Structure formats: structure tokens, C-alpha cells
Amino acid sequence: MDKSVVSRWLSGKVMPSGHNRARIASEIARLRPGFSALAFESPRDHFLAALS
């Protein structure tokens, strides 16, 4: 994954594709059981709470 792509995701300029959101969610879920790609669709505060 090119870091410029991730940088655009983090800045909010673009959203990861559904495929990439699923891949990211899978990796996050390894550290935060129960995390799913659905968190990307929730309000920001809910998303951040799911990460902590």
C-alpha cells in the first residue's frame, strides 16, 4: 500500500474502497475483537470509540 493513499484516507480527501475497508477492519479486529467494517459508516465519535 502506498503511503500517499493512506495519507489521503487519513486526511478525509478520499475514502478507502469497500474492499480496502474490509481489509483494514480485519487487521483492526485482530487487536480490537468485534471491530467490523460497519464502523466506517458510523458517526466519527462512534468510530473512534470502536477503536479504543
N, C-alpha and C. Protein backbone atom coordinates (compact mmCIF):
# COMPACT_ATOMS: atom_id res chain seq x y z
N MET A 1 0.85 -1.17 0.00
CA MET A 1 0.00 0.00 0.00
C MET A 1 0.90 1.23 0.00
N ASP A 2 0.65 2.12 -0.91
CA ASP A 2 1.42 3.35 -0.99
C ASP A 2 1.01 4.29 0.13
N LYS A 3 1.98 4.87 0.81
CA LYS A 3 1.66 5.73 1.95
C LYS A 3 0.90 6.99 1.54
N SER A 4 1.01 7.42 0.29
CA SER A 4 0.25 8.60 -0.14
C SER A 4 -1.24 8.29 -0.18
N VAL A 5 -1.60 7.04 -0.49
CA VAL A 5 -3.00 6.62 -0.49
C VAL A 5 -3.54 6.67 0.93
N VAL A 6 -2.80 6.11 1.87
CA VAL A 6 -3.21 6.12 3.27
C VAL A 6 -3.32 7.56 3.77
N SER A 7 -2.40 8.41 3.38
CA SER A 7 -2.43 9.82 3.77
C SER A 7 -3.72 10.49 3.29
N ARG A 8 -4.15 10.18 2.08
CA ARG A 8 -5.41 10.77 1.57
C ARG A 8 -6.60 10.24 2.34
N TRP A 9 -6.55 8.96 2.75
CA TRP A 9 -7.64 8.42 3.58
C TRP A 9 -7.69 9.16 4.90
N LEU A 10 -6.53 9.31 5.54
CA LEU A 10 -6.50 9.94 6.86
C LEU A 10 -6.90 11.40 6.81
N SER A 11 -6.60 12.07 5.71
CA SER A 11 -6.97 13.48 5.60
C SER A 11 -8.45 13.66 5.27
N GLY A 12 -9.11 12.57 4.86
CA GLY A 12 -10.52 12.66 4.50
C GLY A 12 -10.76 13.06 3.07
N LYS A 13 -9.69 13.19 2.28
CA LYS A 13 -9.85 13.57 0.88
C LYS A 13 -10.55 12.49 0.07
N VAL A 14 -10.27 11.24 0.40
CA VAL A 14 -10.93 10.10 -0.25
C VAL A 14 -11.20 9.04 0.80
N MET A 15 -12.16 8.17 0.50
CA MET A 15 -12.46 7.05 1.39
C MET A 15 -11.89 5.78 0.77
N PRO A 16 -11.43 4.86 1.61
CA PRO A 16 -10.98 3.58 1.06
C PRO A 16 -12.15 2.86 0.40
N SER A 17 -11.85 2.05 -0.59
CA SER A 17 -12.89 1.26 -1.24
C SER A 17 -13.46 0.25 -0.24
N GLY A 18 -14.58 -0.33 -0.57
CA GLY A 18 -15.18 -1.34 0.30
C GLY A 18 -14.23 -2.49 0.57
N HIS A 19 -13.51 -2.89 -0.46
CA HIS A 19 -12.53 -3.98 -0.31
C HIS A 19 -11.44 -3.58 0.68
N ASN A 20 -10.92 -2.37 0.55
CA ASN A 20 -9.86 -1.93 1.46
C ASN A 20 -10.39 -1.69 2.87
N ARG A 21 -11.62 -1.20 3.01
CA ARG A 21 -12.20 -1.05 4.35
C ARG A 21 -12.31 -2.40 5.04
N ALA A 22 -12.70 -3.42 4.29
CA ALA A 22 -12.79 -4.77 4.87
C ALA A 22 -11.42 -5.27 5.29
N ARG A 23 -10.40 -5.02 4.49
CA ARG A 23 -9.04 -5.43 4.84
C ARG A 23 -8.55 -4.69 6.07
N ILE A 24 -8.81 -3.39 6.13
CA ILE A 24 -8.39 -2.59 7.29
C ILE A 24 -9.12 -3.08 8.54
N ALA A 25 -10.43 -3.30 8.41
CA ALA A 25 -11.23 -3.75 9.55
C ALA A 25 -10.74 -5.09 10.07
N SER A 26 -10.35 -5.97 9.17
CA SER A 26 -9.84 -7.27 9.56
C SER A 26 -8.58 -7.13 10.40
N GLU A 27 -7.71 -6.24 10.01
CA GLU A 27 -6.47 -6.02 10.77
C GLU A 27 -6.76 -5.36 12.13
N ILE A 28 -7.66 -4.39 12.14
CA ILE A 28 -8.02 -3.74 13.41
C ILE A 28 -8.65 -4.75 14.35
N ALA A 29 -9.51 -5.63 13.81
CA ALA A 29 -10.21 -6.63 14.63
C ALA A 29 -9.25 -7.60 15.30
N ARG A 30 -8.08 -7.77 14.73
CA ARG A 30 -7.09 -8.63 15.38
C ARG A 30 -6.68 -8.04 16.73
N LEU A 31 -6.68 -6.71 16.83
CA LEU A 31 -6.32 -6.03 18.08
C LEU A 31 -7.53 -5.61 18.90
N ARG A 32 -8.64 -5.40 18.22
CA ARG A 32 -9.89 -4.96 18.85
C ARG A 32 -11.00 -5.91 18.43
N PRO A 33 -11.11 -7.06 19.11
CA PRO A 33 -12.15 -8.03 18.73
C PRO A 33 -13.54 -7.38 18.67
N GLY A 34 -14.29 -7.72 17.67
CA GLY A 34 -15.63 -7.16 17.50
C GLY A 34 -15.67 -5.99 16.53
N PHE A 35 -14.51 -5.42 16.21
CA PHE A 35 -14.48 -4.31 15.25
C PHE A 35 -14.86 -4.86 13.88
N SER A 36 -15.66 -4.10 13.13
CA SER A 36 -16.03 -4.54 11.78
C SER A 36 -16.03 -3.35 10.83
N ALA A 37 -16.10 -3.65 9.55
CA ALA A 37 -16.11 -2.60 8.53
C ALA A 37 -17.32 -1.69 8.67
N LEU A 38 -18.36 -2.14 9.37
CA LEU A 38 -19.54 -1.29 9.58
C LEU A 38 -19.19 -0.04 10.37
N ALA A 39 -18.15 -0.09 11.16
CA ALA A 39 -17.74 1.08 11.95
C ALA A 39 -17.39 2.26 11.06
N PHE A 40 -16.95 1.99 9.83
CA PHE A 40 -16.61 3.07 8.91
C PHE A 40 -17.83 3.90 8.52
N GLU A 41 -19.01 3.33 8.66
CA GLU A 41 -20.25 4.01 8.29
C GLU A 41 -20.87 4.78 9.45
N SER A 42 -20.35 4.58 10.65
CA SER A 42 -20.93 5.21 11.84
C SER A 42 -20.38 6.62 12.02
N PRO A 43 -21.06 7.42 12.85
CA PRO A 43 -20.55 8.77 13.14
C PRO A 43 -19.13 8.71 13.70
N ARG A 44 -18.39 9.77 13.49
CA ARG A 44 -16.98 9.81 13.88
C ARG A 44 -16.75 9.42 15.33
N ASP A 45 -17.56 9.93 16.26
CA ASP A 45 -17.34 9.61 17.67
C ASP A 45 -17.55 8.12 17.96
N HIS A 46 -18.50 7.50 17.27
CA HIS A 46 -18.73 6.06 17.42
C HIS A 46 -17.56 5.27 16.83
N PHE A 47 -17.08 5.73 15.68
CA PHE A 47 -15.94 5.09 15.04
C PHE A 47 -14.72 5.12 15.97
N LEU A 48 -14.44 6.31 16.52
CA LEU A 48 -13.28 6.45 17.39
C LEU A 48 -13.45 5.61 18.66
N ALA A 49 -14.67 5.53 19.17
CA ALA A 49 -14.91 4.70 20.36
C ALA A 49 -14.66 3.23 20.05
N ALA A 50 -14.99 2.80 18.85
CA ALA A 50 -14.76 1.41 18.47
C ALA A 50 -13.28 1.08 18.39
N LEU A 51 -12.46 2.10 18.17
CA LEU A 51 -11.02 1.88 18.10
C LEU A 51 -10.36 1.82 19.46
N SER A 52 -11.03 2.37 20.46
CA SER A 52 -10.37 2.41 21.78
C SER A 52 -10.85 1.33 22.70
